[in-house]
Amino acid sequence: MIPADGIGIGMEPFRTARLSSNSVRVTGPERMVVVDAGGDPEVLRRHLDAIRSAQPAPPLPVCLVQTHAHIDHIAGLTDFGAWPEGWRFELAAHSEGLRILRQGDPIAALADLTGRTLRPFRPPGWRFWTVLPKPGAAAAEPDRAIPLGGGVNLEAFCTPGHSPDSVTWRVGTVLFAGDLLAATAPLVAGIPGWDRSALLVSLDRLEQLMKAYRIEQVHVGHGAPLGPEAVADAIARSRREAGDLIRIEPVDSDRLRRMAGYAEGLIGELEELFLEMTRRIARLADKLAQVQEIRAADEVRGFDRSGEARELLAAFERFKRTAHGQGDGFLGVAAKGVQTVQRISGLLWWERLDEVLDESFLRFVRTRVVDFIQRAKGLSPARDLQPADAAEAVRAYARHLLDQQDAACSLGEAEKEGEAALRRRLVACLARTPSLGTATLDLSLPAESVSARMDSVRFFDALTRWIEQAVDQGAARFALRLLGTGSETRLELDAEAMAWSLSGQSAMVWEIIFARAGARIIWPAVPGEPLSFAFES
């Protein structure tokens, strides 16, 4: 692509092996430019090798331009090592970015969050291009210009929000926006230096730049370049998400540690849920084939044979293989968890799933995904806890479980509505999976009402999943006992021969699940004792 006469652009591919930004090379008749050095010295080395082969004699200046001074954008620069002799090097960045580089500020650069080191960068003999906002300047007026030759400049526009030193650069009809359009992403919003108000102003400025210069392409810090429509969508999304981020939990080491543990526990659980999902779908397809509904069986089998399903299984494997292998600390583990959960999120809202999976099971899986993403964004999802008669709620839940075991599949009404309705009804009937299996259920409930504050849908969806897991492990008898104890209401779940102990990560995930429903888990003191859930009365 040629954004202006005599100016060519080459893009360094995004490196997935380490926490690294994209890096872009721009060639002009008077100056060679590298926008963002990346998080790996190999990125910059490849640029300089390409520049060496194209350098005239005497060599042109090489200007290293930064969109901001986060470690994944500058480590290629600070960790590079020996610089080619006889070359003229320059560094262009916001004044705050230059301070971070010169001082080696690990907090502002996010080095401490990634578990990486940052040394001060004070190269002797370099020329520095300092970018500062122009007071009173119009949005489309550049804050600094660096000549590339042939009357073409590389122009800087201060766009803080993701970080105080964020700069968007322009040459011709191309912008380099760094991480501006990712500033509302999970584990990004709330990092040191993040500013919601400044971000909203910068999004307005980016929108004006797109119009004023008829921008055709925007290079971003992570991912593929964006066209005008994609940028407009990203700006709208960022504004919408920023509207929810008025009060968020800051991203610090303690939060990343919690999120990394949460991610590992949840990814393991989601993988089990996904495999259970595919098993249920496969059973349904077999049942349909047995009643000669071959077309419906093939449609159902299409889910777990799809490229999306295969990619999701591969994503689980990648997470387990790389979560702790890249030297990126808790941020790397948590970020990989977010990426994996977002992939399953897109698959879980496939409309056919509502037809082929039990409502409670699918709702439970979807809720797990939504809750994690909200937590990763730094938001505490509002709990919908309502006063309820716990005795009646447990009684209705028990009736539902027993109805699943006993209900016959009735096709009468669907037959009157035609073949398509009959097929949908048949699929729904055959998809039903009794959560109790063939196990028995005993209830011990007080005659009078017992008050409890709970989100009953969330709680009983989660409880159902526990019962299903116990059934899979061979439990043949369950007991539910409700007790009122002053300021608390307790529900005990007993299953013969079941030990309710879990690993630390899994226990934490389940505690979060039930806490969202208003329940505090009371783990058994000794094996064989029932599991208890405590609610506020």
Protein backbone atom coordinates (compact mmCIF):
# COMPACT_ATOMS: atom_id res chain seq x y z
CA MET A 1 0.00 0.00 0.00
CA ILE A 2 1.29 3.51 -0.87
CA PRO A 3 -0.30 6.10 1.46
CA ALA A 4 1.65 9.01 -0.10
CA ASP A 5 4.10 9.54 -2.97
CA GLY A 6 7.35 7.73 -2.33
CA ILE A 7 6.25 6.29 1.04
CA GLY A 8 5.87 2.54 1.35
CA ILE A 9 4.63 0.54 4.34
CA GLY A 10 5.76 -2.91 5.46
CA MET A 11 4.10 -4.56 8.47
CA GLU A 12 5.83 -6.92 10.88
CA PRO A 13 3.48 -9.82 11.68
CA PHE A 14 2.01 -10.02 15.17
CA ARG A 15 4.17 -12.28 17.31
CA THR A 16 2.19 -14.71 19.47
CA ALA A 17 5.21 -16.31 21.17
CA ARG A 18 5.51 -13.47 23.67
CA LEU A 19 3.54 -10.52 24.93
CA SER A 20 4.31 -8.19 22.00
CA SER A 21 2.69 -5.47 19.97
CA ASN A 22 2.56 -5.21 16.21
CA SER A 23 5.44 -3.29 14.67
CA VAL A 24 5.33 -1.38 11.39
CA ARG A 25 8.14 -0.18 9.09
CA VAL A 26 7.73 2.98 7.02
CA THR A 27 10.24 3.96 4.35
CA GLY A 28 10.69 7.54 3.15
CA PRO A 29 13.26 9.21 0.91
CA GLU A 30 14.82 11.09 3.85
CA ARG A 31 14.12 8.87 6.85
CA MET A 32 13.46 5.23 7.79
CA VAL A 33 10.78 4.74 10.47
CA VAL A 34 9.80 1.87 12.76
CA VAL A 35 6.49 2.43 14.56
CA ASP A 36 6.62 0.54 17.90
CA ALA A 37 9.61 -1.67 18.56
CA GLY A 38 7.46 -4.51 19.93
CA GLY A 39 7.90 -6.66 22.99
CA ASP A 40 10.65 -8.86 21.58
CA PRO A 41 14.07 -7.67 20.34
CA GLU A 42 13.74 -10.07 17.39
CA VAL A 43 10.97 -7.84 16.00
CA LEU A 44 13.29 -4.82 15.85
CA ARG A 45 16.21 -6.94 14.61
CA ARG A 46 14.20 -8.04 11.58
CA HIS A 47 13.31 -4.42 10.83
CA LEU A 48 16.94 -3.31 11.02
CA ASP A 49 18.06 -6.21 8.82
CA ALA A 50 15.51 -5.11 6.20
CA ILE A 51 16.60 -1.48 6.57
CA ARG A 52 20.29 -2.45 6.25
CA SER A 53 19.65 -4.06 2.87
CA ALA A 54 17.79 -0.95 1.67
CA GLN A 55 20.06 1.73 3.16
CA PRO A 56 21.78 4.06 0.74
CA ALA A 57 25.23 5.49 1.38
CA PRO A 58 25.44 7.51 3.54
CA PRO A 59 22.67 5.78 5.57
CA LEU A 60 19.40 7.57 6.28
CA PRO A 61 18.34 8.34 9.86
CA VAL A 62 16.33 5.55 11.50
CA CYS A 63 13.53 6.97 13.63
CA LEU A 64 12.01 4.66 16.26
CA VAL A 65 8.49 5.94 16.87
CA GLN A 66 6.39 4.89 19.88
CA THR A 67 2.60 4.98 20.18
CA HIS A 68 3.10 4.60 23.96
CA ALA A 69 5.63 3.19 26.40
CA HIS A 70 4.03 -0.05 27.62
CA ILE A 71 6.39 -2.99 27.91
CA ASP A 72 4.84 -4.92 24.99
CA HIS A 73 5.61 -1.94 22.73
CA ILE A 74 9.08 -0.95 23.99
CA ALA A 75 10.89 -4.11 25.18
CA GLY A 76 12.17 -4.71 21.65
CA LEU A 77 13.83 -1.31 21.95
CA THR A 78 15.13 -1.47 25.52
CA ASP A 79 16.36 -5.09 25.29
CA PHE A 80 17.87 -4.86 21.81
CA GLY A 81 21.57 -4.84 22.64
CA ALA A 82 24.27 -3.64 20.22
CA TRP A 83 23.19 -1.00 17.72
CA PRO A 84 24.68 -0.85 14.18
CA GLU A 85 27.71 1.46 14.07
CA GLY A 86 27.67 4.48 11.82
CA TRP A 87 23.86 4.76 11.77
CA ARG A 88 21.95 7.82 12.92
CA PHE A 89 19.16 6.86 15.31
CA GLU A 90 16.21 8.95 16.51
CA LEU A 91 13.46 8.35 19.04
CA ALA A 92 10.01 9.93 18.80
CA ALA A 93 7.48 9.69 21.63
CA HIS A 94 5.27 11.67 23.96
CA SER A 95 7.24 13.49 26.68
CA GLU A 96 5.82 11.11 29.30
CA GLY A 97 6.83 8.13 27.18
CA LEU A 98 10.38 9.46 26.95
CA ARG A 99 10.43 9.84 30.75
CA ILE A 100 9.30 6.22 31.19
CA LEU A 101 12.05 5.02 28.85
CA ARG A 102 14.80 7.16 30.40
CA GLN A 103 13.90 6.23 33.98
CA GLY A 104 12.92 2.62 33.27
CA ASP A 105 9.63 3.16 35.17
CA PRO A 106 8.29 -0.39 35.71
CA ILE A 107 4.86 0.70 36.96
CA ALA A 108 3.99 3.12 34.13
CA ALA A 109 5.39 0.65 31.56
CA LEU A 110 3.40 -2.27 33.12
CA ALA A 111 6.63 -4.26 33.45
CA ASP A 112 5.77 -5.18 37.04
CA LEU A 113 2.39 -6.58 35.98
CA THR A 114 3.93 -8.82 33.34
CA GLY A 115 6.81 -10.06 35.46
CA ARG A 116 9.34 -8.52 33.09
CA THR A 117 12.28 -6.23 33.82
CA LEU A 118 12.77 -2.77 32.33
CA ARG A 119 16.13 -1.08 32.22
CA PRO A 120 16.51 2.70 31.74
CA PHE A 121 17.02 3.58 28.08
CA ARG A 122 19.36 6.57 27.55
CA PRO A 123 21.11 6.04 24.22
CA PRO A 124 23.94 8.58 23.69
CA GLY A 125 24.06 10.63 20.52
CA TRP A 126 20.41 10.02 19.51
CA ARG A 127 18.05 12.73 18.32
CA PHE A 128 14.77 12.96 20.25
CA TRP A 129 11.42 14.10 18.83
CA THR A 130 9.27 15.07 21.80
CA VAL A 131 5.48 15.13 21.35
CA LEU A 132 3.32 17.42 23.49
CA PRO A 133 -0.29 18.53 22.96
CA LYS A 134 -0.73 21.96 21.36
CA PRO A 135 -2.98 24.10 23.57
CA GLY A 136 -6.05 25.28 21.68
CA ALA A 137 -5.21 23.37 18.48
CA ALA A 138 -7.99 21.84 16.37
CA ALA A 139 -8.48 18.07 16.61
CA ALA A 140 -7.13 17.48 13.09
CA GLU A 141 -4.07 19.70 13.60
CA PRO A 142 -0.96 17.63 14.38
CA ASP A 143 0.92 18.13 17.64
CA ARG A 144 4.27 17.35 15.99
CA ALA A 145 5.50 16.55 12.46
CA ILE A 146 8.57 14.55 11.41
CA PRO A 147 9.62 14.99 7.76
CA LEU A 148 9.93 11.81 5.72
CA GLY A 149 10.92 13.52 2.48
CA GLY A 150 9.14 14.50 -0.68
CA GLY A 151 6.95 16.95 1.25
CA VAL A 152 5.42 14.13 3.32
CA ASN A 153 5.42 14.21 7.13
CA LEU A 154 4.79 11.63 9.83
CA GLU A 155 2.36 13.51 12.07
CA ALA A 156 1.68 12.98 15.78
CA PHE A 157 -1.68 13.45 17.53
CA CYS A 158 -1.88 13.07 21.31
CA THR A 159 -4.66 10.60 22.15
CA PRO A 160 -4.40 9.76 25.88
CA GLY A 161 -6.76 7.45 27.72
CA HIS A 162 -5.21 4.04 27.31
CA SER A 163 -2.12 5.67 28.81
CA PRO A 164 -1.13 9.31 29.44
CA ASP A 165 1.50 9.13 26.67
CA SER A 166 -0.60 7.53 23.93
CA VAL A 167 0.02 9.05 20.49
CA THR A 168 -1.70 8.32 17.18
CA TRP A 169 0.59 8.80 14.16
CA ARG A 170 -0.44 9.57 10.56
CA VAL A 171 1.23 9.32 7.18
CA GLY A 172 -0.97 10.00 4.18
CA THR A 173 -4.21 8.00 4.54
CA VAL A 174 -2.83 5.61 7.18
CA LEU A 175 -2.99 5.92 10.97
CA PHE A 176 -1.03 4.08 13.66
CA ALA A 177 -3.29 4.08 16.72
CA GLY A 178 -1.47 1.80 19.16
CA ASP A 179 -3.88 0.41 21.77
CA LEU A 180 -6.39 3.28 21.72
CA LEU A 181 -9.18 1.06 20.34
CA ALA A 182 -8.42 -1.69 22.87
CA ALA A 183 -8.53 0.57 25.91
CA THR A 184 -11.86 -0.79 27.19
CA ALA A 185 -10.88 -4.45 26.86
CA PRO A 186 -10.82 -6.78 29.88
CA LEU A 187 -7.62 -6.41 31.94
CA VAL A 188 -6.78 -3.26 29.95
CA ALA A 189 -9.32 -0.83 31.39
CA GLY A 190 -8.03 0.16 34.82
CA ILE A 191 -4.30 -0.31 34.23
CA PRO A 192 -1.99 2.35 35.74
CA GLY A 193 -2.47 5.61 33.83
CA TRP A 194 -5.81 4.58 32.28
CA ASP A 195 -8.24 7.52 32.09
CA ARG A 196 -11.85 7.08 30.99
CA SER A 197 -12.55 10.80 30.44
CA ALA A 198 -9.39 11.31 28.38
CA LEU A 199 -10.21 8.18 26.39
CA LEU A 200 -13.61 9.51 25.36
CA VAL A 201 -12.02 12.76 24.14
CA SER A 202 -9.37 10.79 22.22
CA LEU A 203 -12.03 8.62 20.56
CA ASP A 204 -13.68 11.84 19.35
CA ARG A 205 -10.34 13.03 18.00
CA LEU A 206 -9.72 9.73 16.22
CA GLU A 207 -13.14 9.97 14.59
CA GLN A 208 -12.34 13.48 13.37
CA LEU A 209 -8.97 12.35 11.99
CA MET A 210 -10.68 9.57 10.05
CA LYS A 211 -12.94 12.14 8.35
CA ALA A 212 -10.46 14.99 7.91
CA TYR A 213 -7.78 12.88 6.21
CA ARG A 214 -10.06 10.28 4.59
CA ILE A 215 -8.14 7.53 6.35
CA GLU A 216 -8.16 4.20 4.51
CA GLN A 217 -6.36 2.01 7.06
CA VAL A 218 -5.59 2.03 10.78
CA HIS A 219 -2.76 -0.11 12.14
CA VAL A 220 -3.48 -1.17 15.73
CA GLY A 221 -1.20 -2.49 18.43
CA HIS A 222 -2.63 -6.00 18.39
CA GLY A 223 -4.45 -7.70 15.53
CA ALA A 224 -4.95 -6.98 11.87
CA PRO A 225 -5.19 -3.46 10.36
CA LEU A 226 -8.69 -1.99 10.26
CA GLY A 227 -10.63 -0.33 7.46
CA PRO A 228 -12.88 2.71 7.96
CA GLU A 229 -16.04 0.72 8.74
CA ALA A 230 -14.25 -1.48 11.26
CA VAL A 231 -12.75 1.59 12.92
CA ALA A 232 -16.17 3.24 13.16
CA ASP A 233 -17.55 0.08 14.79
CA ALA A 234 -14.59 -0.07 17.18
CA ILE A 235 -15.04 3.59 18.19
CA ALA A 236 -18.75 3.03 18.84
CA ARG A 237 -18.01 -0.13 20.86
CA SER A 238 -15.31 1.62 22.89
CA ARG A 239 -17.63 4.52 23.72
CA ARG A 240 -20.39 2.10 24.73
CA GLU A 241 -18.07 0.03 26.91
CA ALA A 242 -16.49 3.13 28.45
CA GLY A 243 -19.99 4.12 29.55
CA ASP A 244 -20.04 1.04 31.83
CA LEU A 245 -16.58 1.67 33.25
CA ILE A 246 -17.25 4.64 35.51
CA ARG A 247 -16.26 2.68 38.62
CA ILE A 248 -13.97 -0.27 37.97
CA GLU A 249 -11.48 -2.23 40.00
CA PRO A 250 -7.93 -1.10 39.12
CA VAL A 251 -5.61 -3.60 37.46
CA ASP A 252 -2.84 -4.39 39.92
CA SER A 253 -0.74 -7.42 40.80
CA ASP A 254 -3.20 -8.70 43.38
CA ARG A 255 -6.12 -8.54 40.97
CA LEU A 256 -4.13 -10.20 38.19
CA ARG A 257 -3.14 -12.99 40.58
CA ARG A 258 -6.81 -13.57 41.42
CA MET A 259 -7.85 -13.40 37.76
CA ALA A 260 -5.10 -15.80 36.71
CA GLY A 261 -6.28 -18.35 39.28
CA TYR A 262 -9.92 -17.74 38.32
CA ALA A 263 -9.04 -18.18 34.63
CA GLU A 264 -7.24 -21.48 35.19
CA GLY A 265 -10.05 -22.91 37.28
CA LEU A 266 -12.73 -21.68 34.89
CA ILE A 267 -10.99 -22.84 31.70
CA GLY A 268 -10.73 -26.33 33.17
CA GLU A 269 -14.42 -26.23 34.06
CA LEU A 270 -15.45 -24.84 30.66
CA GLU A 271 -13.51 -27.55 28.89
CA GLU A 272 -15.42 -30.18 30.88
CA LEU A 273 -18.69 -28.39 30.13
CA PHE A 274 -17.87 -28.19 26.43
CA LEU A 275 -17.07 -31.89 26.29
CA GLU A 276 -20.31 -32.61 28.16
CA MET A 277 -22.11 -30.41 25.65
CA THR A 278 -20.71 -32.39 22.72
CA ARG A 279 -21.56 -35.71 24.46
CA ARG A 280 -25.17 -34.60 24.92
CA ILE A 281 -25.39 -33.48 21.32
CA ALA A 282 -23.92 -36.78 20.12
CA ARG A 283 -26.46 -38.73 22.23
CA LEU A 284 -29.26 -36.63 20.79
CA ALA A 285 -28.07 -37.28 17.24
CA ASP A 286 -27.98 -41.03 17.91
CA LYS A 287 -31.53 -40.94 19.30
CA LEU A 288 -32.76 -39.06 16.24
CA ALA A 289 -31.09 -41.56 13.94
CA GLN A 290 -32.75 -44.43 15.81
CA VAL A 291 -36.21 -42.98 15.05
CA GLN A 292 -35.20 -42.43 11.41
CA GLU A 293 -34.89 -38.64 11.67
CA ILE A 294 -31.68 -38.76 9.64
CA ARG A 295 -31.74 -35.16 8.43
CA ALA A 296 -32.29 -33.80 11.94
CA ALA A 297 -29.51 -36.07 13.23
CA ASP A 298 -27.07 -34.73 10.64
CA GLU A 299 -27.98 -31.13 11.49
CA VAL A 300 -27.37 -31.78 15.18
CA ARG A 301 -24.03 -33.48 14.49
CA GLY A 302 -23.00 -30.41 12.52
CA PHE A 303 -22.22 -28.58 15.75
CA ASP A 304 -19.41 -30.73 17.11
CA ARG A 305 -18.05 -31.35 13.62
CA SER A 306 -17.81 -27.64 12.89
CA GLY A 307 -14.59 -25.69 12.51
CA GLU A 308 -15.61 -23.49 15.44
CA ALA A 309 -15.90 -26.46 17.77
CA ARG A 310 -12.53 -27.83 16.67
CA GLU A 311 -10.94 -24.42 17.11
CA LEU A 312 -12.39 -24.17 20.61
CA LEU A 313 -10.91 -27.51 21.64
CA ALA A 314 -7.59 -26.31 20.22
CA ALA A 315 -7.93 -23.09 22.25
CA PHE A 316 -8.30 -25.09 25.46
CA GLU A 317 -5.16 -27.04 24.60
CA ARG A 318 -3.22 -23.87 23.79
CA PHE A 319 -4.22 -22.31 27.09
CA LYS A 320 -3.09 -25.34 29.10
CA ARG A 321 0.16 -25.55 27.13
CA THR A 322 1.14 -21.86 27.16
CA ALA A 323 -0.49 -20.35 30.26
CA HIS A 324 2.73 -20.43 32.29
CA GLY A 325 5.27 -20.89 29.56
CA GLN A 326 5.90 -17.40 28.20
CA GLY A 327 7.36 -15.46 31.11
CA ASP A 328 4.52 -12.94 31.06
CA GLY A 329 3.47 -13.35 34.70
CA PHE A 330 -0.08 -13.31 35.95
CA LEU A 331 -1.10 -10.82 33.27
CA GLY A 332 -0.16 -13.30 30.55
CA VAL A 333 -2.13 -16.14 32.19
CA ALA A 334 -5.17 -13.95 32.81
CA ALA A 335 -5.06 -12.46 29.29
CA LYS A 336 -4.86 -15.89 27.68
CA GLY A 337 -7.82 -16.93 29.84
CA VAL A 338 -9.85 -13.96 28.59
CA GLN A 339 -9.02 -14.80 24.96
CA THR A 340 -10.11 -18.42 25.44
CA VAL A 341 -13.33 -17.50 27.25
CA GLN A 342 -14.21 -14.94 24.56
CA ARG A 343 -13.85 -17.66 21.92
CA ILE A 344 -16.29 -19.95 23.67
CA SER A 345 -18.59 -16.98 24.22
CA GLY A 346 -19.09 -16.54 20.47
CA LEU A 347 -19.92 -20.22 20.07
CA LEU A 348 -22.34 -20.42 23.00
CA TRP A 349 -24.85 -18.04 21.44
CA TRP A 350 -25.31 -20.17 18.33
CA GLU A 351 -29.10 -20.23 18.11
CA ARG A 352 -29.35 -23.98 17.48
CA LEU A 353 -27.91 -24.72 20.91
CA ASP A 354 -31.17 -23.57 22.50
CA GLU A 355 -32.92 -26.35 20.61
CA VAL A 356 -30.55 -29.19 21.39
CA LEU A 357 -29.44 -28.60 25.00
CA ASP A 358 -31.27 -28.44 28.32
CA GLU A 359 -32.17 -24.87 29.23
CA SER A 360 -30.62 -25.04 32.70
CA PHE A 361 -27.34 -26.51 31.43
CA LEU A 362 -26.91 -24.00 28.62
CA ARG A 363 -27.89 -21.07 30.85
CA PHE A 364 -25.33 -22.19 33.44
CA VAL A 365 -22.51 -22.32 30.87
CA ARG A 366 -23.43 -18.94 29.41
CA THR A 367 -23.62 -17.37 32.85
CA ARG A 368 -20.15 -18.64 33.70
CA VAL A 369 -18.73 -16.94 30.60
CA VAL A 370 -20.52 -13.62 31.12
CA ASP A 371 -19.53 -13.43 34.81
CA PHE A 372 -15.86 -14.06 34.04
CA ILE A 373 -15.71 -11.40 31.33
CA GLN A 374 -17.38 -8.89 33.65
CA ARG A 375 -14.83 -9.68 36.35
CA ALA A 376 -11.99 -9.33 33.84
CA LYS A 377 -13.33 -5.89 32.89
CA GLY A 378 -13.07 -4.85 36.53
CA LEU A 379 -16.82 -4.70 37.00
CA SER A 380 -18.71 -6.30 39.85
CA PRO A 381 -21.91 -7.62 38.23
CA ALA A 382 -24.96 -6.50 40.15
CA ARG A 383 -26.45 -9.40 42.08
CA ASP A 384 -30.20 -9.84 41.69
CA LEU A 385 -30.93 -11.14 45.19
CA GLN A 386 -34.60 -11.24 46.09
CA PRO A 387 -36.33 -12.35 49.32
CA ALA A 388 -37.76 -15.79 48.70
CA ASP A 389 -39.50 -18.58 50.56
CA ALA A 390 -36.62 -21.02 50.48
CA ALA A 391 -38.83 -23.96 51.44
CA GLU A 392 -41.15 -23.40 48.49
CA ALA A 393 -38.21 -22.72 46.15
CA VAL A 394 -36.53 -26.03 47.11
CA ARG A 395 -39.86 -27.86 46.83
CA ALA A 396 -40.43 -26.48 43.30
CA TYR A 397 -36.85 -27.37 42.34
CA ALA A 398 -37.31 -30.95 43.54
CA ARG A 399 -40.54 -31.24 41.52
CA HIS A 400 -38.65 -30.08 38.42
CA LEU A 401 -35.91 -32.70 38.90
CA LEU A 402 -38.45 -35.47 39.39
CA ASP A 403 -40.54 -34.30 36.42
CA GLN A 404 -37.43 -34.63 34.26
CA GLN A 405 -37.24 -38.29 35.24
CA ASP A 406 -40.92 -39.09 34.72
CA ALA A 407 -42.27 -36.79 31.98
CA ALA A 408 -43.25 -38.52 28.74
CA CYS A 409 -42.61 -36.87 25.41
CA SER A 410 -45.90 -35.52 24.04
CA LEU A 411 -46.00 -34.70 20.33
CA GLY A 412 -49.73 -34.21 19.98
CA GLU A 413 -49.89 -30.40 19.74
CA ALA A 414 -46.82 -30.22 17.49
CA GLU A 415 -48.35 -32.68 15.03
CA LYS A 416 -51.11 -30.15 14.32
CA GLU A 417 -48.57 -27.43 13.43
CA GLY A 418 -46.79 -29.29 10.68
CA GLU A 419 -43.65 -31.31 10.07
CA ALA A 420 -41.15 -28.61 11.09
CA ALA A 421 -42.86 -28.02 14.45
CA LEU A 422 -43.08 -31.78 15.01
CA ARG A 423 -39.36 -32.16 14.36
CA ARG A 424 -38.47 -29.31 16.73
CA ARG A 425 -40.66 -30.84 19.46
CA LEU A 426 -39.12 -34.25 18.92
CA VAL A 427 -35.61 -32.80 19.17
CA ALA A 428 -36.54 -30.96 22.39
CA CYS A 429 -37.99 -34.13 23.92
CA LEU A 430 -35.02 -36.30 23.02
CA ALA A 431 -32.56 -33.62 24.15
CA ARG A 432 -33.95 -33.71 27.70
CA THR A 433 -31.32 -35.12 30.08
CA PRO A 434 -32.68 -36.02 33.56
CA SER A 435 -30.24 -34.38 35.96
CA LEU A 436 -30.93 -36.99 38.65
CA GLY A 437 -30.50 -39.88 36.24
CA THR A 438 -32.05 -42.80 38.12
CA ALA A 439 -31.06 -41.50 41.57
CA THR A 440 -33.58 -40.89 44.34
CA LEU A 441 -34.15 -37.55 46.07
CA ASP A 442 -35.28 -37.06 49.68
CA LEU A 443 -36.48 -33.73 51.05
CA SER A 444 -36.52 -32.47 54.61
CA LEU A 445 -38.29 -29.11 54.69
CA PRO A 446 -39.92 -27.18 57.52
CA ALA A 447 -43.70 -26.79 57.29
CA GLU A 448 -43.51 -23.03 57.71
CA SER A 449 -41.92 -20.63 55.22
CA VAL A 450 -38.20 -19.91 55.54
CA SER A 451 -36.85 -16.61 54.23
CA ALA A 452 -33.67 -16.40 52.18
CA ARG A 453 -32.19 -13.75 49.91
CA MET A 454 -31.15 -15.45 46.69
CA ASP A 455 -31.00 -15.42 42.92
CA SER A 456 -32.94 -18.66 42.66
CA VAL A 457 -32.33 -19.21 38.92
CA ARG A 458 -28.56 -18.89 39.29
CA PHE A 459 -28.46 -20.95 42.44
CA PHE A 460 -30.50 -23.90 41.23
CA ASP A 461 -28.73 -23.95 37.83
CA ALA A 462 -25.41 -24.29 39.68
CA LEU A 463 -26.82 -26.84 42.13
CA THR A 464 -28.11 -28.89 39.19
CA ARG A 465 -24.62 -29.01 37.73
CA TRP A 466 -23.25 -30.34 41.02
CA ILE A 467 -25.94 -33.01 41.17
CA GLU A 468 -25.21 -34.04 37.57
CA GLN A 469 -21.52 -34.39 38.38
CA ALA A 470 -22.33 -36.49 41.44
CA VAL A 471 -24.59 -38.72 39.34
CA ASP A 472 -21.74 -39.18 36.86
CA GLN A 473 -19.57 -40.29 39.78
CA GLY A 474 -22.11 -42.91 40.84
CA ALA A 475 -24.27 -41.18 43.44
CA ALA A 476 -27.62 -42.99 43.66
CA ARG A 477 -29.31 -41.10 46.52
CA PHE A 478 -29.51 -37.40 47.37
CA ALA A 479 -31.00 -35.53 50.31
CA LEU A 480 -31.83 -31.84 50.58
CA ARG A 481 -32.39 -30.44 54.08
CA LEU A 482 -33.39 -26.84 54.80
CA LEU A 483 -32.59 -25.29 58.17
CA GLY A 484 -33.39 -21.85 59.57
CA THR A 485 -30.67 -20.66 61.98
CA GLY A 486 -31.44 -17.13 63.13
CA SER A 487 -29.88 -14.66 60.72
CA GLU A 488 -28.99 -17.43 58.25
CA THR A 489 -30.83 -20.04 56.26
CA ARG A 490 -28.90 -23.18 55.38
CA LEU A 491 -29.51 -25.74 52.68
CA GLU A 492 -27.64 -29.02 53.08
CA LEU A 493 -26.89 -31.29 50.12
CA ASP A 494 -26.04 -34.87 51.01
CA ALA A 495 -25.09 -37.57 48.53
CA GLU A 496 -24.03 -40.97 49.71
CA ALA A 497 -20.37 -41.81 49.22
CA MET A 498 -19.64 -38.30 47.85
CA ALA A 499 -16.63 -36.32 49.06
CA TRP A 500 -17.16 -32.64 48.30
CA SER A 501 -13.50 -31.59 48.46
CA LEU A 502 -12.11 -29.57 45.54
CA SER A 503 -8.72 -28.13 44.59
CA GLY A 504 -7.97 -24.52 45.47
CA GLN A 505 -8.70 -23.11 42.00
CA SER A 506 -11.88 -25.12 41.49
CA ALA A 507 -13.09 -24.29 44.98
CA MET A 508 -12.53 -20.57 44.29
CA VAL A 509 -14.50 -20.74 41.02
CA TRP A 510 -17.44 -22.46 42.69
CA GLU A 511 -17.40 -20.03 45.61
CA ILE A 512 -17.70 -17.17 43.09
CA ILE A 513 -20.52 -18.98 41.27
CA PHE A 514 -22.63 -19.47 44.39
CA ALA A 515 -21.76 -16.07 45.87
CA ARG A 516 -23.33 -14.47 42.78
CA ALA A 517 -26.52 -16.36 43.68
CA GLY A 518 -26.38 -15.18 47.31
CA ALA A 519 -25.03 -18.41 48.80
CA ARG A 520 -21.89 -18.94 50.89
CA ILE A 521 -20.44 -22.44 50.56
CA ILE A 522 -19.67 -24.22 53.83
CA TRP A 523 -17.27 -27.01 52.97
CA PRO A 524 -17.52 -30.24 55.01
CA ALA A 525 -15.13 -30.40 57.95
CA VAL A 526 -14.60 -34.14 57.41
CA PRO A 527 -15.27 -36.43 54.44
CA GLY A 528 -18.80 -37.78 54.29
CA GLU A 529 -20.48 -34.75 55.85
CA PRO A 530 -23.01 -32.86 53.70
CA LEU A 531 -22.20 -29.73 51.79
CA SER A 532 -24.03 -26.62 53.03
CA PHE A 533 -25.08 -23.32 51.49
CA ALA A 534 -25.80 -20.35 53.75
CA PHE A 535 -28.14 -17.51 52.75
CA GLU A 536 -29.04 -14.30 54.53
CA SER A 537 -32.51 -14.66 56.00
